[in-house]
């Protein structure tokens, strides 16, 4: 498995970093959600919840807007 990732990295370094980074972000969002649920509902401003929602929103915008634009401009030539 590690050899497959290394081979993929040599062939497509940017795509591999994006995919592995996405896995890490998804794990962070999942574990962060579980941790925040264990503390109960937010009180006051709920800064940890806002931070988690912000990270999730940036992640979604990245994959739904920025990556397709990048692919359109880079691979259109």
N, C-alpha and C. Protein backbone atom coordinates (compact mmCIF):
# COMPACT_ATOMS: atom_id res chain seq x y z
N UNK A 1 0.82 -1.19 0.00
CA UNK A 1 0.00 0.00 0.00
C UNK A 1 0.87 1.26 0.00
N UNK A 2 1.89 1.29 0.84
CA UNK A 2 2.77 2.45 0.89
C UNK A 2 3.53 2.61 -0.42
N UNK A 3 3.91 1.50 -1.03
CA UNK A 3 4.60 1.55 -2.31
C UNK A 3 3.68 2.10 -3.40
N UNK A 4 2.39 1.75 -3.32
CA UNK A 4 1.42 2.28 -4.28
C UNK A 4 1.28 3.79 -4.15
N UNK A 5 1.25 4.26 -2.92
CA UNK A 5 1.14 5.71 -2.69
C UNK A 5 2.39 6.42 -3.19
N UNK A 6 3.56 5.83 -2.94
CA UNK A 6 4.80 6.43 -3.40
C UNK A 6 4.86 6.46 -4.92
N UNK A 7 4.40 5.41 -5.57
CA UNK A 7 4.39 5.38 -7.04
C UNK A 7 3.40 6.40 -7.59
N UNK A 8 2.26 6.52 -6.95
CA UNK A 8 1.28 7.52 -7.38
C UNK A 8 1.84 8.92 -7.17
N UNK A 9 2.57 9.13 -6.07
CA UNK A 9 3.15 10.45 -5.81
C UNK A 9 4.17 10.81 -6.88
N UNK A 10 4.99 9.85 -7.30
CA UNK A 10 5.97 10.14 -8.35
C UNK A 10 5.28 10.46 -9.67
N UNK A 11 4.17 9.79 -9.95
CA UNK A 11 3.47 10.03 -11.21
C UNK A 11 2.66 11.32 -11.19
N UNK A 12 1.97 11.58 -10.07
CA UNK A 12 1.09 12.75 -9.96
C UNK A 12 1.22 13.36 -8.57
N UNK A 13 2.26 14.14 -8.33
CA UNK A 13 2.50 14.63 -6.96
C UNK A 13 1.40 15.57 -6.44
N UNK A 14 0.89 16.47 -7.26
CA UNK A 14 -0.11 17.42 -6.78
C UNK A 14 -1.42 16.69 -6.45
N UNK A 15 -1.84 15.81 -7.32
CA UNK A 15 -3.09 15.08 -7.09
C UNK A 15 -2.98 14.20 -5.84
N UNK A 16 -1.83 13.58 -5.64
CA UNK A 16 -1.65 12.72 -4.47
C UNK A 16 -1.70 13.53 -3.19
N UNK A 17 -1.05 14.68 -3.18
CA UNK A 17 -1.07 15.54 -1.99
C UNK A 17 -2.49 16.02 -1.70
N UNK A 18 -3.22 16.40 -2.75
CA UNK A 18 -4.61 16.83 -2.55
C UNK A 18 -5.47 15.71 -1.99
N UNK A 19 -5.29 14.51 -2.51
CA UNK A 19 -6.11 13.39 -2.03
C UNK A 19 -5.76 13.02 -0.59
N UNK A 20 -4.48 12.93 -0.27
CA UNK A 20 -4.09 12.60 1.10
C UNK A 20 -4.49 13.72 2.06
N UNK A 21 -4.34 14.95 1.62
CA UNK A 21 -4.78 16.08 2.45
C UNK A 21 -6.28 16.05 2.71
N UNK A 22 -7.03 15.64 1.71
CA UNK A 22 -8.48 15.53 1.87
C UNK A 22 -8.84 14.47 2.89
N UNK A 23 -8.13 13.36 2.86
CA UNK A 23 -8.38 12.31 3.85
C UNK A 23 -8.10 12.84 5.26
N UNK A 24 -7.00 13.57 5.42
CA UNK A 24 -6.65 14.12 6.73
C UNK A 24 -7.70 15.13 7.19
N UNK A 25 -8.15 16.00 6.29
CA UNK A 25 -9.17 16.98 6.66
C UNK A 25 -10.47 16.29 7.04
N UNK A 26 -10.86 15.27 6.28
CA UNK A 26 -12.09 14.54 6.61
C UNK A 26 -11.99 13.87 7.98
N UNK A 27 -10.84 13.28 8.27
CA UNK A 27 -10.65 12.68 9.60
C UNK A 27 -10.72 13.73 10.69
N UNK A 28 -10.08 14.89 10.45
CA UNK A 28 -10.14 15.98 11.43
C UNK A 28 -11.58 16.44 11.65
N UNK A 29 -12.33 16.60 10.57
CA UNK A 29 -13.72 17.05 10.72
C UNK A 29 -14.56 16.01 11.47
N UNK A 30 -14.36 14.74 11.17
CA UNK A 30 -15.11 13.69 11.86
C UNK A 30 -14.76 13.65 13.34
N UNK A 31 -13.47 13.59 13.65
CA UNK A 31 -13.06 13.52 15.05
C UNK A 31 -13.39 14.81 15.79
N UNK A 32 -13.25 15.94 15.12
CA UNK A 32 -13.62 17.20 15.74
C UNK A 32 -15.09 17.28 16.06
N UNK A 33 -15.93 16.77 15.16
CA UNK A 33 -17.37 16.74 15.40
C UNK A 33 -17.70 15.85 16.59
N UNK A 34 -17.08 14.67 16.63
CA UNK A 34 -17.31 13.77 17.78
C UNK A 34 -16.87 14.43 19.09
N UNK A 35 -15.72 15.08 19.07
CA UNK A 35 -15.22 15.72 20.28
C UNK A 35 -16.15 16.85 20.73
N UNK A 36 -16.63 17.63 19.77
CA UNK A 36 -17.52 18.73 20.14
C UNK A 36 -18.88 18.22 20.60
N UNK A 37 -19.37 17.14 20.01
CA UNK A 37 -20.62 16.56 20.48
C UNK A 37 -20.49 16.06 21.91
N UNK A 38 -19.32 15.57 22.26
CA UNK A 38 -19.13 15.05 23.62
C UNK A 38 -19.14 16.17 24.66
N UNK A 39 -18.87 17.41 24.24
CA UNK A 39 -18.89 18.53 25.18
C UNK A 39 -20.27 19.14 25.32
N UNK A 40 -21.19 18.74 24.49
CA UNK A 40 -22.55 19.27 24.56
C UNK A 40 -22.79 20.36 23.54
N UNK A 41 -23.96 20.93 23.61
CA UNK A 41 -24.33 21.99 22.67
C UNK A 41 -23.51 23.25 22.94
N UNK A 42 -23.28 24.04 21.90
CA UNK A 42 -22.49 25.25 22.10
C UNK A 42 -23.25 26.27 22.96
N UNK A 43 -22.48 26.96 23.78
CA UNK A 43 -23.04 28.03 24.59
C UNK A 43 -22.30 29.30 24.23
N UNK A 44 -22.98 30.40 24.30
CA UNK A 44 -22.35 31.66 23.94
C UNK A 44 -22.09 31.72 22.44
N UNK A 45 -20.89 32.11 22.08
CA UNK A 45 -20.54 32.21 20.66
C UNK A 45 -20.25 30.87 20.03
N UNK A 46 -19.79 29.91 20.79
CA UNK A 46 -19.52 28.58 20.24
C UNK A 46 -18.35 28.58 19.28
N UNK A 47 -17.26 29.21 19.67
CA UNK A 47 -16.10 29.35 18.78
C UNK A 47 -15.57 28.03 18.22
N UNK A 48 -15.47 26.96 19.01
CA UNK A 48 -14.99 25.70 18.41
C UNK A 48 -15.91 25.19 17.31
N UNK A 49 -17.22 25.33 17.51
CA UNK A 49 -18.16 24.91 16.48
C UNK A 49 -18.01 25.76 15.23
N UNK A 50 -17.84 27.06 15.41
CA UNK A 50 -17.66 27.95 14.25
C UNK A 50 -16.38 27.61 13.49
N UNK A 51 -15.33 27.27 14.22
CA UNK A 51 -14.08 26.90 13.56
C UNK A 51 -14.25 25.61 12.76
N UNK A 52 -14.94 24.64 13.34
CA UNK A 52 -15.17 23.38 12.63
C UNK A 52 -16.03 23.60 11.38
N UNK A 53 -17.05 24.39 11.49
CA UNK A 53 -17.90 24.70 10.35
C UNK A 53 -17.12 25.47 9.29
N UNK A 54 -16.26 26.39 9.73
CA UNK A 54 -15.44 27.14 8.78
C UNK A 54 -14.49 26.25 8.01
N UNK A 55 -13.84 25.32 8.69
CA UNK A 55 -12.93 24.39 8.01
C UNK A 55 -13.71 23.55 7.01
N UNK A 56 -14.88 23.08 7.41
CA UNK A 56 -15.70 22.29 6.49
C UNK A 56 -16.14 23.09 5.29
N UNK A 57 -16.52 24.34 5.49
CA UNK A 57 -16.95 25.19 4.38
C UNK A 57 -15.80 25.46 3.41
N UNK A 58 -14.63 25.74 3.94
CA UNK A 58 -13.47 25.96 3.07
C UNK A 58 -13.15 24.70 2.28
N UNK A 59 -13.24 23.56 2.92
CA UNK A 59 -12.99 22.28 2.26
C UNK A 59 -13.96 22.06 1.10
N UNK A 60 -15.23 22.33 1.34
CA UNK A 60 -16.24 22.15 0.29
C UNK A 60 -16.02 23.12 -0.86
N UNK A 61 -15.77 24.37 -0.55
CA UNK A 61 -15.52 25.36 -1.61
C UNK A 61 -14.29 24.99 -2.42
N UNK A 62 -13.26 24.51 -1.74
CA UNK A 62 -12.04 24.11 -2.43
C UNK A 62 -12.33 23.05 -3.48
N UNK A 63 -13.04 21.99 -3.09
CA UNK A 63 -13.28 20.88 -4.01
C UNK A 63 -14.36 21.16 -5.03
N UNK A 64 -15.33 22.00 -4.72
CA UNK A 64 -16.42 22.23 -5.67
C UNK A 64 -16.18 23.43 -6.58
N UNK A 65 -15.31 24.33 -6.21
CA UNK A 65 -15.08 25.52 -7.03
C UNK A 65 -13.64 25.64 -7.52
N UNK A 66 -12.70 25.58 -6.60
CA UNK A 66 -11.32 25.85 -6.98
C UNK A 66 -10.67 24.73 -7.79
N UNK A 67 -10.87 23.49 -7.39
CA UNK A 67 -10.26 22.38 -8.13
C UNK A 67 -10.81 22.30 -9.55
N UNK A 68 -12.12 22.39 -9.77
CA UNK A 68 -12.60 22.37 -11.16
C UNK A 68 -12.07 23.54 -12.00
N UNK A 69 -11.97 24.73 -11.39
CA UNK A 69 -11.39 25.86 -12.13
C UNK A 69 -9.94 25.60 -12.49
N UNK A 70 -9.19 25.06 -11.56
CA UNK A 70 -7.79 24.72 -11.82
C UNK A 70 -7.68 23.71 -12.97
N UNK A 71 -8.50 22.68 -12.90
CA UNK A 71 -8.45 21.66 -13.95
C UNK A 71 -8.87 22.24 -15.30
N UNK A 72 -9.84 23.12 -15.29
CA UNK A 72 -10.29 23.73 -16.55
C UNK A 72 -9.18 24.55 -17.19
N UNK A 73 -8.46 25.34 -16.40
CA UNK A 73 -7.44 26.20 -16.96
C UNK A 73 -6.14 25.47 -17.25
N UNK A 74 -5.79 24.47 -16.46
CA UNK A 74 -4.53 23.76 -16.67
C UNK A 74 -4.66 22.73 -17.78
N UNK A 75 -5.76 21.98 -17.79
CA UNK A 75 -5.89 20.89 -18.74
C UNK A 75 -6.63 21.29 -20.02
N UNK A 76 -7.06 22.53 -20.12
CA UNK A 76 -7.79 22.98 -21.30
C UNK A 76 -6.86 23.20 -22.50
N UNK A 77 -5.58 23.32 -22.24
CA UNK A 77 -4.65 23.63 -23.33
C UNK A 77 -4.24 22.43 -24.06
